[in-house]
């Protein structure tokens, strides 16, 4: 039995070493046995389904604000990655930004840069800087490949160790379920329950990304204060229920502000 356990441990260590990737800027190692070439087509198909079945209001002033901020942040991040020899991180990405009519106080991003905001979060965003706080966070999930990491973890947990294509051949139903859960379709659309480490990592990267795009990162704590106050007695908004608490988040953001301000000042040069 001890020998069997040793073999399993060695196998898992070997799998982790073979199927590892590094998150840009943070350097965190993550499990990655699924490639973008595999997961992005599935993501784009699911995003198209959401857009088709939803009431899109991207042609409104708020909708255009979401598009404008999204494109500005995506361009700034793409430039940063290119300048730091990390252009391959967004290989195959196809950025898209839409505002969906819904009372949900939420926003989300699927693999490959497919972003959606719900109209319910716009009053809390209030202005472009507020939209940039949320947009930076969601773009960070895509850049850090958090959904791909979740899917890799799900495949390994279910003994599907050969990657996405092999898993589809061995157990297509289970593999599709793992994918849907990884990109947020296990329950309500967009209700991604990333790990605390992933959420805090997206906060950190998001602060840097909004700063790179010329949005003042010092606006971020204020957004979270408004989000917390907006909860009031009406229950916890979706965007808070799946994320670390506002107080902890604000403390972390303030600790990371100095680094973000370096990027912000550079963007103004």
C-alpha atoms as a PDB file:
ATOM      1  CA  UNK A   1       0.000   0.000   0.000  1.00  0.00           C
ATOM      2  CA  UNK A   2       2.859   2.370   0.844  1.00  0.00           C
ATOM      3  CA  UNK A   3       4.484   1.655  -2.510  1.00  0.00           C
ATOM      4  CA  UNK A   4       1.161   2.310  -4.282  1.00  0.00           C
ATOM      5  CA  UNK A   5       0.845   5.654  -2.515  1.00  0.00           C
ATOM      6  CA  UNK A   6       4.395   6.584  -3.457  1.00  0.00           C
ATOM      7  CA  UNK A   7       3.667   5.804  -7.099  1.00  0.00           C
ATOM      8  CA  UNK A   8       0.535   7.982  -7.017  1.00  0.00           C
ATOM      9  CA  UNK A   9       2.424  10.848  -5.373  1.00  0.00           C
ATOM     10  CA  UNK A  10       5.287  10.627  -7.882  1.00  0.00           C
ATOM     11  CA  UNK A  11       2.814  10.479 -10.749  1.00  0.00           C
ATOM     12  CA  UNK A  12       0.968  13.560  -9.519  1.00  0.00           C
ATOM     13  CA  UNK A  13       4.228  15.457  -9.023  1.00  0.00           C
ATOM     14  CA  UNK A  14       5.303  14.508 -12.522  1.00  0.00           C
ATOM     15  CA  UNK A  15       1.961  15.595 -13.948  1.00  0.00           C
ATOM     16  CA  UNK A  16       2.154  18.917 -12.135  1.00  0.00           C
ATOM     17  CA  UNK A  17       5.711  19.537 -13.360  1.00  0.00           C
ATOM     18  CA  UNK A  18       4.797  18.597 -16.944  1.00  0.00           C
ATOM     19  CA  UNK A  19       1.505  20.463 -17.039  1.00  0.00           C
ATOM     20  CA  UNK A  20       2.470  23.714 -15.358  1.00  0.00           C
ATOM     21  CA  UNK A  21       2.205  27.274 -16.559  1.00  0.00           C
ATOM     22  CA  UNK A  22       3.194  30.561 -14.940  1.00  0.00           C
ATOM     23  CA  UNK A  23       0.757  33.423 -14.386  1.00  0.00           C
ATOM     24  CA  UNK A  24       2.131  36.647 -15.928  1.00  0.00           C
ATOM     25  CA  UNK A  25       3.295  39.320 -13.452  1.00  0.00           C
ATOM     26  CA  UNK A  26       2.546  37.250 -10.335  1.00  0.00           C
ATOM     27  CA  UNK A  27       4.779  34.269 -11.186  1.00  0.00           C
ATOM     28  CA  UNK A  28       2.384  31.801  -9.578  1.00  0.00           C
ATOM     29  CA  UNK A  29       2.637  28.265 -10.938  1.00  0.00           C
ATOM     30  CA  UNK A  30      -0.661  26.740 -12.029  1.00  0.00           C
ATOM     31  CA  UNK A  31      -1.823  23.385 -13.376  1.00  0.00           C
ATOM     32  CA  UNK A  32      -2.376  23.559 -17.120  1.00  0.00           C
ATOM     33  CA  UNK A  33      -3.071  20.332 -18.994  1.00  0.00           C
ATOM     34  CA  UNK A  34      -5.568  22.046 -21.305  1.00  0.00           C
ATOM     35  CA  UNK A  35      -4.341  24.298 -24.096  1.00  0.00           C
ATOM     36  CA  UNK A  36      -5.947  27.494 -25.345  1.00  0.00           C
ATOM     37  CA  UNK A  37      -6.328  25.878 -28.746  1.00  0.00           C
ATOM     38  CA  UNK A  38      -8.679  23.397 -27.071  1.00  0.00           C
ATOM     39  CA  UNK A  39     -10.647  25.527 -24.637  1.00  0.00           C
ATOM     40  CA  UNK A  40     -11.049  28.771 -26.611  1.00  0.00           C
ATOM     41  CA  UNK A  41     -13.334  27.391 -29.360  1.00  0.00           C
ATOM     42  CA  UNK A  42     -15.629  25.966 -26.665  1.00  0.00           C
ATOM     43  CA  UNK A  43     -15.569  29.276 -24.802  1.00  0.00           C
ATOM     44  CA  UNK A  44     -16.430  31.282 -27.901  1.00  0.00           C
ATOM     45  CA  UNK A  45     -19.310  28.961 -28.707  1.00  0.00           C
ATOM     46  CA  UNK A  46     -20.763  29.326 -25.200  1.00  0.00           C
ATOM     47  CA  UNK A  47     -20.323  33.102 -25.226  1.00  0.00           C
ATOM     48  CA  UNK A  48     -22.160  33.324 -28.546  1.00  0.00           C
ATOM     49  CA  UNK A  49     -25.003  31.348 -27.007  1.00  0.00           C
ATOM     50  CA  UNK A  50     -25.257  33.783 -24.082  1.00  0.00           C
ATOM     51  CA  UNK A  51     -25.231  36.801 -26.386  1.00  0.00           C
ATOM     52  CA  UNK A  52     -27.883  35.245 -28.625  1.00  0.00           C
ATOM     53  CA  UNK A  53     -30.168  34.445 -25.700  1.00  0.00           C
ATOM     54  CA  UNK A  54     -29.720  37.747 -23.813  1.00  0.00           C
ATOM     55  CA  UNK A  55     -30.916  41.310 -24.305  1.00  0.00           C
ATOM     56  CA  UNK A  56     -27.780  43.168 -25.345  1.00  0.00           C
ATOM     57  CA  UNK A  57     -27.692  46.927 -24.716  1.00  0.00           C
ATOM     58  CA  UNK A  58     -24.199  47.668 -25.956  1.00  0.00           C
ATOM     59  CA  UNK A  59     -25.510  50.523 -28.144  1.00  0.00           C
ATOM     60  CA  UNK A  60     -26.493  52.577 -25.072  1.00  0.00           C
ATOM     61  CA  UNK A  61     -24.186  55.133 -23.379  1.00  0.00           C
ATOM     62  CA  UNK A  62     -23.416  52.615 -20.617  1.00  0.00           C
ATOM     63  CA  UNK A  63     -22.882  49.872 -23.179  1.00  0.00           C
ATOM     64  CA  UNK A  64     -20.448  51.998 -25.146  1.00  0.00           C
ATOM     65  CA  UNK A  65     -18.657  52.818 -21.899  1.00  0.00           C
ATOM     66  CA  UNK A  66     -18.120  49.101 -21.271  1.00  0.00           C
ATOM     67  CA  UNK A  67     -16.799  48.609 -24.812  1.00  0.00           C
ATOM     68  CA  UNK A  68     -14.547  51.668 -24.619  1.00  0.00           C
ATOM     69  CA  UNK A  69     -13.003  50.718 -21.280  1.00  0.00           C
ATOM     70  CA  UNK A  70     -12.636  47.078 -22.316  1.00  0.00           C
ATOM     71  CA  UNK A  71     -10.797  47.911 -25.520  1.00  0.00           C
ATOM     72  CA  UNK A  72      -8.553  50.403 -23.759  1.00  0.00           C
ATOM     73  CA  UNK A  73      -7.539  47.941 -21.051  1.00  0.00           C
ATOM     74  CA  UNK A  74      -7.110  45.046 -23.509  1.00  0.00           C
ATOM     75  CA  UNK A  75      -4.874  47.203 -25.730  1.00  0.00           C
ATOM     76  CA  UNK A  76      -2.740  48.311 -22.787  1.00  0.00           C
ATOM     77  CA  UNK A  77      -2.337  44.742 -21.548  1.00  0.00           C
ATOM     78  CA  UNK A  78      -1.509  43.453 -25.036  1.00  0.00           C
ATOM     79  CA  UNK A  79       1.179  46.147 -25.367  1.00  0.00           C
ATOM     80  CA  UNK A  80       2.649  45.310 -21.958  1.00  0.00           C
ATOM     81  CA  UNK A  81       2.786  41.600 -22.810  1.00  0.00           C
ATOM     82  CA  UNK A  82       4.424  42.317 -26.163  1.00  0.00           C
ATOM     83  CA  UNK A  83       7.057  44.568 -24.583  1.00  0.00           C
ATOM     84  CA  UNK A  84       7.874  41.852 -22.044  1.00  0.00           C
ATOM     85  CA  UNK A  85       8.089  38.941 -24.507  1.00  0.00           C
ATOM     86  CA  UNK A  86       4.800  37.484 -23.307  1.00  0.00           C
ATOM     87  CA  UNK A  87       2.769  37.973 -26.475  1.00  0.00           C
ATOM     88  CA  UNK A  88       1.971  34.239 -26.588  1.00  0.00           C
ATOM     89  CA  UNK A  89      -0.202  34.637 -23.462  1.00  0.00           C
ATOM     90  CA  UNK A  90      -3.054  36.042 -25.560  1.00  0.00           C
ATOM     91  CA  UNK A  91      -2.519  33.860 -28.612  1.00  0.00           C
ATOM     92  CA  UNK A  92      -5.935  32.976 -30.016  1.00  0.00           C
ATOM     93  CA  UNK A  93      -7.746  35.605 -27.907  1.00  0.00           C
ATOM     94  CA  UNK A  94     -10.674  37.427 -29.470  1.00  0.00           C
ATOM     95  CA  UNK A  95     -11.670  40.305 -27.196  1.00  0.00           C
ATOM     96  CA  UNK A  96     -15.358  41.137 -26.985  1.00  0.00           C
ATOM     97  CA  UNK A  97     -17.258  43.347 -24.553  1.00  0.00           C
ATOM     98  CA  UNK A  98     -21.023  43.431 -24.096  1.00  0.00           C
ATOM     99  CA  UNK A  99     -23.507  44.921 -21.654  1.00  0.00           C
ATOM    100  CA  UNK A 100     -26.475  42.655 -20.889  1.00  0.00           C
ATOM    101  CA  UNK A 101     -29.812  43.843 -19.555  1.00  0.00           C
ATOM    102  CA  UNK A 102     -30.156  42.260 -16.109  1.00  0.00           C
ATOM    103  CA  UNK A 103     -30.671  43.374 -12.525  1.00  0.00           C
ATOM    104  CA  UNK A 104     -27.779  41.167 -11.429  1.00  0.00           C
ATOM    105  CA  UNK A 105     -24.906  43.085  -9.876  1.00  0.00           C
ATOM    106  CA  UNK A 106     -22.284  41.108 -11.715  1.00  0.00           C
ATOM    107  CA  UNK A 107     -19.739  40.882 -14.531  1.00  0.00           C
ATOM    108  CA  UNK A 108     -17.689  37.974 -15.886  1.00  0.00           C
ATOM    109  CA  UNK A 109     -15.116  36.966 -18.471  1.00  0.00           C
ATOM    110  CA  UNK A 110     -14.806  33.676 -20.328  1.00  0.00           C
ATOM    111  CA  UNK A 111     -11.490  32.301 -21.635  1.00  0.00           C
ATOM    112  CA  UNK A 112     -10.123  34.242 -24.584  1.00  0.00           C
ATOM    113  CA  UNK A 113     -11.344  37.666 -23.484  1.00  0.00           C
ATOM    114  CA  UNK A 114     -15.118  37.305 -23.805  1.00  0.00           C
ATOM    115  CA  UNK A 115     -16.442  39.833 -21.273  1.00  0.00           C
ATOM    116  CA  UNK A 116     -19.996  40.597 -20.168  1.00  0.00           C
ATOM    117  CA  UNK A 117     -21.286  43.213 -17.735  1.00  0.00           C
ATOM    118  CA  UNK A 118     -24.831  43.247 -16.365  1.00  0.00           C
ATOM    119  CA  UNK A 119     -26.681  46.563 -16.206  1.00  0.00           C
ATOM    120  CA  UNK A 120     -27.218  45.999 -12.474  1.00  0.00           C
ATOM    121  CA  UNK A 121     -23.562  46.733 -11.734  1.00  0.00           C
ATOM    122  CA  UNK A 122     -23.376  49.981 -13.691  1.00  0.00           C
ATOM    123  CA  UNK A 123     -24.801  52.323 -10.984  1.00  0.00           C
ATOM    124  CA  UNK A 124     -22.127  51.058  -8.600  1.00  0.00           C
ATOM    125  CA  UNK A 125     -19.420  51.514 -11.242  1.00  0.00           C
ATOM    126  CA  UNK A 126     -20.766  55.063 -11.618  1.00  0.00           C
ATOM    127  CA  UNK A 127     -18.146  56.236 -14.145  1.00  0.00           C
ATOM    128  CA  UNK A 128     -15.396  54.968 -16.457  1.00  0.00           C
ATOM    129  CA  UNK A 129     -12.961  54.549 -13.586  1.00  0.00           C
ATOM    130  CA  UNK A 130     -15.451  52.296 -11.792  1.00  0.00           C
ATOM    131  CA  UNK A 131     -16.002  50.262 -14.939  1.00  0.00           C
ATOM    132  CA  UNK A 132     -12.207  49.987 -15.237  1.00  0.00           C
ATOM    133  CA  UNK A 133     -11.948  48.483 -11.740  1.00  0.00           C
ATOM    134  CA  UNK A 134     -14.333  45.680 -12.691  1.00  0.00           C
ATOM    135  CA  UNK A 135     -12.996  45.349 -16.236  1.00  0.00           C
ATOM    136  CA  UNK A 136      -9.413  45.054 -15.040  1.00  0.00           C
ATOM    137  CA  UNK A 137     -10.442  42.273 -12.663  1.00  0.00           C
ATOM    138  CA  UNK A 138     -12.308  40.349 -15.357  1.00  0.00           C
ATOM    139  CA  UNK A 139      -9.547  40.767 -17.949  1.00  0.00           C
ATOM    140  CA  UNK A 140      -7.141  39.495 -15.301  1.00  0.00           C
ATOM    141  CA  UNK A 141      -9.100  36.244 -15.033  1.00  0.00           C
ATOM    142  CA  UNK A 142      -8.582  35.753 -18.774  1.00  0.00           C
ATOM    143  CA  UNK A 143      -4.885  36.699 -18.780  1.00  0.00           C
ATOM    144  CA  UNK A 144      -4.200  34.441 -15.792  1.00  0.00           C
ATOM    145  CA  UNK A 145      -6.109  31.587 -17.473  1.00  0.00           C
ATOM    146  CA  UNK A 146      -8.089  30.910 -14.316  1.00  0.00           C
ATOM    147  CA  UNK A 147     -10.877  29.006 -16.099  1.00  0.00           C
ATOM    148  CA  UNK A 148      -8.315  26.861 -17.911  1.00  0.00           C
ATOM    149  CA  UNK A 149      -6.682  26.155 -14.560  1.00  0.00           C
ATOM    150  CA  UNK A 150     -10.059  25.184 -13.068  1.00  0.00           C
ATOM    151  CA  UNK A 151     -10.747  22.868 -15.963  1.00  0.00           C
ATOM    152  CA  UNK A 152      -7.324  21.238 -15.652  1.00  0.00           C
ATOM    153  CA  UNK A 153      -7.974  20.667 -11.959  1.00  0.00           C
ATOM    154  CA  UNK A 154     -11.408  19.216 -12.746  1.00  0.00           C
ATOM    155  CA  UNK A 155     -10.027  16.793 -15.310  1.00  0.00           C
ATOM    156  CA  UNK A 156      -7.295  15.592 -12.948  1.00  0.00           C
ATOM    157  CA  UNK A 157      -9.768  15.222 -10.070  1.00  0.00           C
ATOM    158  CA  UNK A 158     -11.909  12.976 -12.266  1.00  0.00           C
ATOM    159  CA  UNK A 159      -9.005  10.870 -13.517  1.00  0.00           C
ATOM    160  CA  UNK A 160      -9.045  12.370 -17.030  1.00  0.00           C
ATOM    161  CA  UNK A 161      -5.328  12.967 -17.338  1.00  0.00           C
ATOM    162  CA  UNK A 162      -4.700  13.052 -21.089  1.00  0.00           C
ATOM    163  CA  UNK A 163      -5.898  16.562 -21.851  1.00  0.00           C
ATOM    164  CA  UNK A 164      -9.159  17.853 -23.260  1.00  0.00           C
ATOM    165  CA  UNK A 165      -9.302  15.940 -26.540  1.00  0.00           C
ATOM    166  CA  UNK A 166      -8.503  12.608 -24.879  1.00  0.00           C
ATOM    167  CA  UNK A 167     -11.030  13.346 -22.136  1.00  0.00           C
ATOM    168  CA  UNK A 168     -13.709  14.114 -24.730  1.00  0.00           C
ATOM    169  CA  UNK A 169     -13.073  10.722 -26.250  1.00  0.00           C
ATOM    170  CA  UNK A 170     -13.091   8.876 -22.932  1.00  0.00           C
ATOM    171  CA  UNK A 171     -16.025  10.624 -21.272  1.00  0.00           C
ATOM    172  CA  UNK A 172     -17.547  13.434 -23.365  1.00  0.00           C
ATOM    173  CA  UNK A 173     -20.486  14.063 -21.017  1.00  0.00           C
ATOM    174  CA  UNK A 174     -18.351  14.479 -17.892  1.00  0.00           C
ATOM    175  CA  UNK A 175     -15.767  16.530 -19.783  1.00  0.00           C
ATOM    176  CA  UNK A 176     -18.415  18.936 -21.032  1.00  0.00           C
ATOM    177  CA  UNK A 177     -19.801  19.278 -17.504  1.00  0.00           C
ATOM    178  CA  UNK A 178     -16.319  20.116 -16.196  1.00  0.00           C
ATOM    179  CA  UNK A 179     -15.902  22.706 -18.936  1.00  0.00           C
ATOM    180  CA  UNK A 180     -19.259  24.356 -18.236  1.00  0.00           C
ATOM    181  CA  UNK A 181     -18.460  24.563 -14.544  1.00  0.00           C
ATOM    182  CA  UNK A 182     -14.992  25.965 -15.306  1.00  0.00           C
ATOM    183  CA  UNK A 183     -16.390  28.844 -17.362  1.00  0.00           C
ATOM    184  CA  UNK A 184     -19.338  29.490 -15.097  1.00  0.00           C
ATOM    185  CA  UNK A 185     -22.180  27.500 -16.596  1.00  0.00           C
ATOM    186  CA  UNK A 186     -22.518  24.987 -13.780  1.00  0.00           C
ATOM    187  CA  UNK A 187     -25.292  27.149 -12.368  1.00  0.00           C
ATOM    188  CA  UNK A 188     -26.315  30.707 -13.116  1.00  0.00           C
ATOM    189  CA  UNK A 189     -24.547  32.296 -16.074  1.00  0.00           C
ATOM    190  CA  UNK A 190     -21.402  34.094 -15.024  1.00  0.00           C
ATOM    191  CA  UNK A 191     -21.440  32.871 -11.428  1.00  0.00           C
ATOM    192  CA  UNK A 192     -17.808  31.875 -11.438  1.00  0.00           C
ATOM    193  CA  UNK A 193     -16.646  30.591  -8.089  1.00  0.00           C
ATOM    194  CA  UNK A 194     -12.913  30.905  -8.417  1.00  0.00           C
ATOM    195  CA  UNK A 195     -10.685  30.063  -5.494  1.00  0.00           C
ATOM    196  CA  UNK A 196      -9.759  32.826  -3.071  1.00  0.00           C
ATOM    197  CA  UNK A 197      -6.197  32.752  -4.414  1.00  0.00           C
ATOM    198  CA  UNK A 198      -7.471  33.260  -7.952  1.00  0.00           C
ATOM    199  CA  UNK A 199      -9.789  36.088  -6.930  1.00  0.00           C
ATOM    200  CA  UNK A 200      -7.098  37.927  -5.020  1.00  0.00           C
ATOM    201  CA  UNK A 201      -4.716  37.376  -7.915  1.00  0.00           C
ATOM    202  CA  UNK A 202      -7.303  38.884 -10.298  1.00  0.00           C
ATOM    203  CA  UNK A 203      -7.617  41.859  -7.939  1.00  0.00           C
ATOM    204  CA  UNK A 204      -3.863  42.411  -8.011  1.00  0.00           C
ATOM    205  CA  UNK A 205      -3.549  42.056 -11.771  1.00  0.00           C
ATOM    206  CA  UNK A 206      -6.717  44.055 -12.378  1.00  0.00           C
ATOM    207  CA  UNK A 207      -5.329  46.998 -10.421  1.00  0.00           C
ATOM    208  CA  UNK A 208      -2.186  46.936 -12.564  1.00  0.00           C
ATOM    209  CA  UNK A 209      -4.142  46.560 -15.797  1.00  0.00           C
ATOM    210  CA  UNK A 210      -6.435  49.538 -15.169  1.00  0.00           C
ATOM    211  CA  UNK A 211      -3.357  51.591 -14.279  1.00  0.00           C
ATOM    212  CA  UNK A 212      -1.584  50.537 -17.485  1.00  0.00           C
ATOM    213  CA  UNK A 213      -4.606  51.794 -19.419  1.00  0.00           C
ATOM    214  CA  UNK A 214      -4.407  55.214 -17.743  1.00  0.00           C
ATOM    215  CA  UNK A 215      -7.186  54.779 -15.180  1.00  0.00           C
ATOM    216  CA  UNK A 216      -6.309  55.956 -11.681  1.00  0.00           C
ATOM    217  CA  UNK A 217      -5.960  52.793  -9.538  1.00  0.00           C
ATOM    218  CA  UNK A 218      -6.751  54.848  -6.428  1.00  0.00           C
ATOM    219  CA  UNK A 219     -10.378  54.683  -7.584  1.00  0.00           C
ATOM    220  CA  UNK A 220     -10.507  50.941  -6.837  1.00  0.00           C
ATOM    221  CA  UNK A 221     -11.027  51.077  -3.050  1.00  0.00           C
ATOM    222  CA  UNK A 222     -13.867  53.561  -3.569  1.00  0.00           C
ATOM    223  CA  UNK A 223     -15.625  51.194  -5.928  1.00  0.00           C
ATOM    224  CA  UNK A 224     -15.519  48.416  -3.339  1.00  0.00           C
ATOM    225  CA  UNK A 225     -16.802  50.766  -0.661  1.00  0.00           C
ATOM    226  CA  UNK A 226     -19.756  51.582  -2.927  1.00  0.00           C
ATOM    227  CA  UNK A 227     -20.291  47.910  -3.654  1.00  0.00           C
ATOM    228  CA  UNK A 228     -20.344  47.115   0.047  1.00  0.00           C
ATOM    229  CA  UNK A 229     -22.685  50.018   0.833  1.00  0.00           C
ATOM    230  CA  UNK A 230     -24.923  49.058  -2.095  1.00  0.00           C
ATOM    231  CA  UNK A 231     -25.546  45.656  -0.560  1.00  0.00           C
ATOM    232  CA  UNK A 232     -27.473  47.360   2.284  1.00  0.00           C
ATOM    233  CA  UNK A 233     -30.379  45.232   3.410  1.00  0.00           C
ATOM    234  CA  UNK A 234     -31.136  43.901  -0.056  1.00  0.00           C
ATOM    235  CA  UNK A 235     -28.875  40.921   0.230  1.00  0.00           C
ATOM    236  CA  UNK A 236     -25.306  40.396  -0.978  1.00  0.00           C
ATOM    237  CA  UNK A 237     -24.792  41.203  -4.679  1.00  0.00           C
ATOM    238  CA  UNK A 238     -23.601  38.318  -6.848  1.00  0.00           C
ATOM    239  CA  UNK A 239     -20.280  40.025  -7.455  1.00  0.00           C
ATOM    240  CA  UNK A 240     -19.621  40.089  -3.715  1.00  0.00           C
ATOM    241  CA  UNK A 241     -21.003  36.639  -2.912  1.00  0.00           C
ATOM    242  CA  UNK A 242     -18.399  34.942  -5.097  1.00  0.00           C
ATOM    243  CA  UNK A 243     -15.478  37.153  -4.060  1.00  0.00           C
ATOM    244  CA  UNK A 244     -13.434  37.914  -0.928  1.00  0.00           C
ATOM    245  CA  UNK A 245     -15.001  40.367   1.523  1.00  0.00           C
ATOM    246  CA  UNK A 246     -14.754  44.084   0.663  1.00  0.00           C
ATOM    247  CA  UNK A 247     -12.696  45.033   3.735  1.00  0.00           C
ATOM    248  CA  UNK A 248     -10.064  42.408   3.035  1.00  0.00           C
ATOM    249  CA  UNK A 249     -10.089  43.332  -0.641  1.00  0.00           C
ATOM    250  CA  UNK A 250      -9.624  47.061   0.067  1.00  0.00           C
ATOM    251  CA  UNK A 251      -6.725  46.359   2.448  1.00  0.00           C
ATOM    252  CA  UNK A 252      -5.002  44.244  -0.205  1.00  0.00           C
ATOM    253  CA  UNK A 253      -5.573  46.858  -2.912  1.00  0.00           C
ATOM    254  CA  UNK A 254      -4.072  49.590  -0.742  1.00  0.00           C
ATOM    255  CA  UNK A 255      -1.025  47.404  -0.093  1.00  0.00           C
ATOM    256  CA  UNK A 256      -0.567  46.951  -3.853  1.00  0.00           C
ATOM    257  CA  UNK A 257      -1.238  50.577  -4.766  1.00  0.00           C
ATOM    258  CA  UNK A 258       2.408  51.665  -4.972  1.00  0.00           C
ATOM    259  CA  UNK A 259       3.171  49.173  -7.758  1.00  0.00           C
ATOM    260  CA  UNK A 260      -0.002  50.133  -9.603  1.00  0.00           C
ATOM    261  CA  UNK A 261       0.870  53.835  -9.390  1.00  0.00           C
ATOM    262  CA  UNK A 262       4.162  53.158 -11.177  1.00  0.00           C
ATOM    263  CA  UNK A 263       2.206  51.837 -14.167  1.00  0.00           C
ATOM    264  CA  UNK A 264      -0.310  54.669 -13.916  1.00  0.00           C
ATOM    265  CA  UNK A 265       2.398  57.356 -13.963  1.00  0.00           C
ATOM    266  CA  UNK A 266       4.088  55.622 -16.897  1.00  0.00           C
ATOM    267  CA  UNK A 267       0.808  55.626 -18.836  1.00  0.00           C
ATOM    268  CA  UNK A 268       0.683  59.411 -18.527  1.00  0.00           C
ATOM    269  CA  UNK A 269       4.130  59.957 -20.042  1.00  0.00           C
END
